[in-house]
Structure formats: structure tokens, C-alpha cells
Amino acid sequence: MPRNRNEYGRVIAINQKRGMVAVSIEDTGISVFNVVDCYDFQLNDIVYGPLDYVGGQTIFHPAEKYQVQVFIEATGCTEKNFRHYMLS
């Protein structure tokens, strides 16, 4: 069960073709989301928001002061299984 509604995460993988991004969240694992808005994330970007809740969410890119609409497809992933979501 999610422990907090909003958390910080660091972008660890990007699939530009599919618009998929994986973020590592401290003590929670990895979340994978599909970018709904036109926004290009970069590796190691820091994002903030409800990263551990599946479904449509608004997350924030604090450094750029920009909000992005995403659809979170998976949460609590491990290093081993998050790639499945990035590729399928």
C-alpha cells in the first residue's frame, strides 16, 4: 500500500518511442508511467507527485517548474521487472 500521496522520484529509464518513463522512488521501488502531455524527460530528472498510485496523475518537474499529465501503469517494480512495462 502506498505510504505517501506525493513523493520525489528520479528518472532512470526512458522509452521515447512509447512515451514511457521509469522513476526510482526511495523506499518504494520503481514506478513506470506513460507521458500524456508533450514533454521530454531526461535521465536523472527529478519529478514530484503521486508516483505510487496507478492511473491518471499530474506530476511536477520542480527544476523546470512544469506540470505534466501522465498515466502511471505500474508501481513498486523492482530493477528486474520494470523493463517489462517499458517494452510491452
N, C-alpha and C. Protein backbone atom coordinates (compact mmCIF):
# COMPACT_ATOMS: atom_id res chain seq x y z
N MET A 1 0.84 -1.19 0.00
CA MET A 1 0.00 0.00 0.00
C MET A 1 0.88 1.24 0.00
N PRO A 2 0.51 2.25 -0.80
CA PRO A 2 1.30 3.48 -0.84
C PRO A 2 1.40 4.13 0.52
N ARG A 3 2.57 4.70 0.81
CA ARG A 3 2.77 5.30 2.12
C ARG A 3 2.57 6.80 2.13
N ASN A 4 2.58 7.42 0.97
CA ASN A 4 2.50 8.88 0.91
C ASN A 4 1.89 9.26 -0.43
N ARG A 5 1.09 10.28 -0.45
CA ARG A 5 0.46 10.68 -1.70
C ARG A 5 1.46 11.31 -2.68
N ASN A 6 2.37 12.11 -2.21
CA ASN A 6 3.35 12.77 -3.09
C ASN A 6 4.76 12.39 -2.68
N GLU A 7 5.56 12.04 -3.68
CA GLU A 7 6.95 11.66 -3.43
C GLU A 7 7.83 12.18 -4.55
N TYR A 8 9.13 12.24 -4.27
CA TYR A 8 10.11 12.58 -5.28
C TYR A 8 10.61 11.29 -5.92
N GLY A 9 10.90 11.37 -7.20
CA GLY A 9 11.48 10.24 -7.92
C GLY A 9 12.52 10.74 -8.90
N ARG A 10 13.43 9.84 -9.29
CA ARG A 10 14.49 10.19 -10.25
C ARG A 10 14.30 9.34 -11.49
N VAL A 11 14.30 9.97 -12.65
CA VAL A 11 14.13 9.25 -13.92
C VAL A 11 15.33 8.34 -14.16
N ILE A 12 15.06 7.04 -14.35
CA ILE A 12 16.14 6.07 -14.54
C ILE A 12 16.10 5.41 -15.91
N ALA A 13 14.97 5.52 -16.62
CA ALA A 13 14.88 4.92 -17.96
C ALA A 13 13.80 5.64 -18.75
N ILE A 14 14.02 5.71 -20.07
CA ILE A 14 13.07 6.38 -20.96
C ILE A 14 12.93 5.55 -22.24
N ASN A 15 11.70 5.34 -22.68
CA ASN A 15 11.43 4.73 -23.97
C ASN A 15 10.71 5.80 -24.79
N GLN A 16 11.46 6.53 -25.60
CA GLN A 16 10.91 7.66 -26.37
C GLN A 16 9.82 7.21 -27.33
N LYS A 17 9.99 6.06 -27.98
CA LYS A 17 9.01 5.58 -28.95
C LYS A 17 7.64 5.36 -28.33
N ARG A 18 7.62 4.83 -27.13
CA ARG A 18 6.36 4.52 -26.45
C ARG A 18 5.92 5.62 -25.49
N GLY A 19 6.78 6.61 -25.26
CA GLY A 19 6.43 7.67 -24.32
C GLY A 19 6.43 7.19 -22.88
N MET A 20 7.24 6.19 -22.58
CA MET A 20 7.29 5.59 -21.25
C MET A 20 8.51 6.10 -20.48
N VAL A 21 8.30 6.30 -19.18
CA VAL A 21 9.37 6.76 -18.29
C VAL A 21 9.32 5.92 -17.02
N ALA A 22 10.48 5.54 -16.52
CA ALA A 22 10.59 4.84 -15.24
C ALA A 22 11.28 5.75 -14.24
N VAL A 23 10.73 5.81 -13.03
CA VAL A 23 11.33 6.62 -11.98
C VAL A 23 11.59 5.76 -10.75
N SER A 24 12.72 5.99 -10.13
CA SER A 24 13.08 5.31 -8.90
C SER A 24 12.62 6.18 -7.73
N ILE A 25 11.88 5.54 -6.82
CA ILE A 25 11.36 6.24 -5.64
C ILE A 25 11.99 5.61 -4.41
N GLU A 26 12.62 6.42 -3.59
CA GLU A 26 13.29 5.91 -2.40
C GLU A 26 12.31 5.13 -1.52
N ASP A 27 12.71 3.95 -1.10
CA ASP A 27 11.94 3.08 -0.19
C ASP A 27 10.65 2.53 -0.78
N THR A 28 10.36 2.79 -2.05
CA THR A 28 9.10 2.32 -2.64
C THR A 28 9.34 1.42 -3.84
N GLY A 29 10.41 1.61 -4.54
CA GLY A 29 10.69 0.84 -5.75
C GLY A 29 10.68 1.73 -6.96
N ILE A 30 10.22 1.18 -8.06
CA ILE A 30 10.22 1.89 -9.33
C ILE A 30 8.80 1.98 -9.85
N SER A 31 8.43 3.16 -10.35
CA SER A 31 7.14 3.36 -11.00
C SER A 31 7.38 3.63 -12.47
N VAL A 32 6.43 3.16 -13.29
CA VAL A 32 6.53 3.35 -14.73
C VAL A 32 5.29 4.10 -15.19
N PHE A 33 5.49 5.17 -15.97
CA PHE A 33 4.34 5.92 -16.46
C PHE A 33 4.46 6.26 -17.93
N ASN A 34 3.29 6.49 -18.52
CA ASN A 34 3.17 6.92 -19.91
C ASN A 34 2.92 8.42 -19.88
N VAL A 35 3.70 9.18 -20.65
CA VAL A 35 3.57 10.63 -20.69
C VAL A 35 2.40 10.98 -21.61
N VAL A 36 1.38 11.66 -21.07
CA VAL A 36 0.21 12.07 -21.84
C VAL A 36 0.49 13.39 -22.54
N ASP A 37 1.12 14.33 -21.85
CA ASP A 37 1.49 15.63 -22.41
C ASP A 37 2.70 15.49 -23.33
N CYS A 38 2.94 16.52 -24.10
CA CYS A 38 4.16 16.59 -24.91
C CYS A 38 5.27 17.15 -24.03
N TYR A 39 6.04 16.29 -23.45
CA TYR A 39 7.15 16.72 -22.60
C TYR A 39 8.25 15.68 -22.68
N ASP A 40 9.48 16.11 -22.87
CA ASP A 40 10.61 15.20 -22.97
C ASP A 40 11.38 15.18 -21.66
N PHE A 41 11.29 14.05 -20.98
CA PHE A 41 12.08 13.86 -19.76
C PHE A 41 13.50 13.47 -20.14
N GLN A 42 14.42 13.75 -19.25
CA GLN A 42 15.82 13.37 -19.41
C GLN A 42 16.22 12.46 -18.27
N LEU A 43 17.19 11.58 -18.52
CA LEU A 43 17.70 10.74 -17.44
C LEU A 43 18.16 11.60 -16.28
N ASN A 44 17.88 11.15 -15.08
CA ASN A 44 18.24 11.80 -13.81
C ASN A 44 17.40 13.02 -13.48
N ASP A 45 16.39 13.36 -14.29
CA ASP A 45 15.44 14.41 -13.90
C ASP A 45 14.77 14.01 -12.60
N ILE A 46 14.50 14.98 -11.77
CA ILE A 46 13.74 14.75 -10.53
C ILE A 46 12.30 15.19 -10.78
N VAL A 47 11.36 14.32 -10.40
CA VAL A 47 9.94 14.64 -10.53
C VAL A 47 9.27 14.47 -9.17
N TYR A 48 8.10 15.07 -9.03
CA TYR A 48 7.39 15.07 -7.75
C TYR A 48 5.90 14.88 -8.01
N GLY A 49 5.28 14.06 -7.20
CA GLY A 49 3.83 13.87 -7.31
C GLY A 49 3.41 12.52 -6.76
N PRO A 50 2.18 12.12 -7.06
CA PRO A 50 1.66 10.83 -6.59
C PRO A 50 2.20 9.69 -7.44
N LEU A 51 3.48 9.42 -7.31
CA LEU A 51 4.17 8.48 -8.17
C LEU A 51 3.87 7.02 -7.87
N ASP A 52 3.24 6.74 -6.74
CA ASP A 52 2.96 5.34 -6.40
C ASP A 52 1.47 5.02 -6.43
N TYR A 53 0.73 5.73 -7.28
CA TYR A 53 -0.70 5.46 -7.48
C TYR A 53 -0.96 5.23 -8.96
N VAL A 54 -1.48 4.05 -9.31
CA VAL A 54 -1.79 3.74 -10.71
C VAL A 54 -2.95 4.59 -11.20
N GLY A 55 -2.83 5.05 -12.45
CA GLY A 55 -3.90 5.84 -13.07
C GLY A 55 -3.41 7.19 -13.51
N GLY A 56 -4.34 8.00 -13.99
CA GLY A 56 -4.00 9.34 -14.46
C GLY A 56 -3.60 10.24 -13.31
N GLN A 57 -2.47 10.92 -13.47
CA GLN A 57 -1.93 11.78 -12.42
C GLN A 57 -1.30 13.02 -13.03
N THR A 58 -1.16 14.04 -12.22
CA THR A 58 -0.38 15.21 -12.59
C THR A 58 0.88 15.18 -11.74
N ILE A 59 2.03 15.19 -12.41
CA ILE A 59 3.30 15.23 -11.67
C ILE A 59 4.01 16.53 -12.02
N PHE A 60 5.01 16.85 -11.24
CA PHE A 60 5.70 18.12 -11.38
C PHE A 60 7.18 17.90 -11.61
N HIS A 61 7.75 18.76 -12.42
CA HIS A 61 9.20 18.79 -12.66
C HIS A 61 9.69 20.06 -11.97
N PRO A 62 10.12 19.93 -10.70
CA PRO A 62 10.46 21.12 -9.91
C PRO A 62 11.52 22.02 -10.53
N ALA A 63 12.55 21.45 -11.15
CA ALA A 63 13.62 22.28 -11.71
C ALA A 63 13.11 23.15 -12.86
N GLU A 64 12.19 22.60 -13.65
CA GLU A 64 11.65 23.33 -14.79
C GLU A 64 10.36 24.08 -14.44
N LYS A 65 9.87 23.85 -13.22
CA LYS A 65 8.60 24.45 -12.78
C LYS A 65 7.49 24.18 -13.80
N TYR A 66 7.33 22.90 -14.09
CA TYR A 66 6.40 22.47 -15.11
C TYR A 66 5.58 21.28 -14.60
N GLN A 67 4.30 21.26 -14.90
CA GLN A 67 3.49 20.10 -14.52
C GLN A 67 3.18 19.28 -15.77
N VAL A 68 3.10 17.96 -15.60
CA VAL A 68 2.95 17.04 -16.71
C VAL A 68 1.84 16.05 -16.39
N GLN A 69 0.97 15.79 -17.36
CA GLN A 69 -0.06 14.77 -17.22
C GLN A 69 0.53 13.42 -17.63
N VAL A 70 0.37 12.43 -16.75
CA VAL A 70 0.89 11.09 -17.03
C VAL A 70 -0.15 10.05 -16.66
N PHE A 71 0.05 8.83 -17.14
CA PHE A 71 -0.75 7.70 -16.70
C PHE A 71 0.21 6.68 -16.13
N ILE A 72 0.14 6.49 -14.81
CA ILE A 72 1.05 5.57 -14.14
C ILE A 72 0.53 4.15 -14.34
N GLU A 73 1.37 3.33 -14.97
CA GLU A 73 0.98 1.97 -15.32
C GLU A 73 1.39 0.93 -14.30
N ALA A 74 2.48 1.18 -13.58
CA ALA A 74 2.96 0.20 -12.61
C ALA A 74 3.71 0.91 -11.49
N THR A 75 3.58 0.37 -10.29
CA THR A 75 4.29 0.91 -9.13
C THR A 75 4.92 -0.25 -8.36
N GLY A 76 5.88 0.08 -7.52
CA GLY A 76 6.52 -0.94 -6.69
C GLY A 76 7.33 -1.96 -7.47
N CYS A 77 7.76 -1.60 -8.67
CA CYS A 77 8.54 -2.52 -9.50
C CYS A 77 9.96 -2.67 -8.96
N THR A 78 10.57 -3.77 -9.33
CA THR A 78 11.97 -4.00 -8.99
C THR A 78 12.83 -3.66 -10.20
N GLU A 79 14.14 -3.64 -10.00
CA GLU A 79 15.08 -3.42 -11.10
C GLU A 79 14.86 -4.45 -12.20
N LYS A 80 14.47 -5.64 -11.80
CA LYS A 80 14.32 -6.75 -12.75
C LYS A 80 13.03 -6.64 -13.58
N ASN A 81 11.92 -6.27 -12.94
CA ASN A 81 10.65 -6.35 -13.67
C ASN A 81 10.15 -5.05 -14.27
N PHE A 82 10.74 -3.90 -13.99
CA PHE A 82 10.22 -2.66 -14.56
C PHE A 82 10.43 -2.61 -16.07
N ARG A 83 11.45 -3.31 -16.56
CA ARG A 83 11.72 -3.29 -18.00
C ARG A 83 10.59 -3.91 -18.81
N HIS A 84 9.87 -4.85 -18.22
CA HIS A 84 8.72 -5.45 -18.89
C HIS A 84 7.71 -4.37 -19.28
N TYR A 85 7.43 -3.46 -18.38
CA TYR A 85 6.48 -2.39 -18.65
C TYR A 85 7.01 -1.37 -19.66
N MET A 86 8.30 -1.18 -19.66
CA MET A 86 8.90 -0.23 -20.58
C MET A 86 8.85 -0.73 -22.02
N LEU A 87 8.87 -2.04 -22.21
CA LEU A 87 8.95 -2.62 -23.54
C LEU A 87 7.63 -3.18 -24.08
N SER A 88 6.72 -3.53 -23.19
CA SER A 88 5.48 -4.18 -23.67
C SER A 88 4.41 -3.18 -24.05
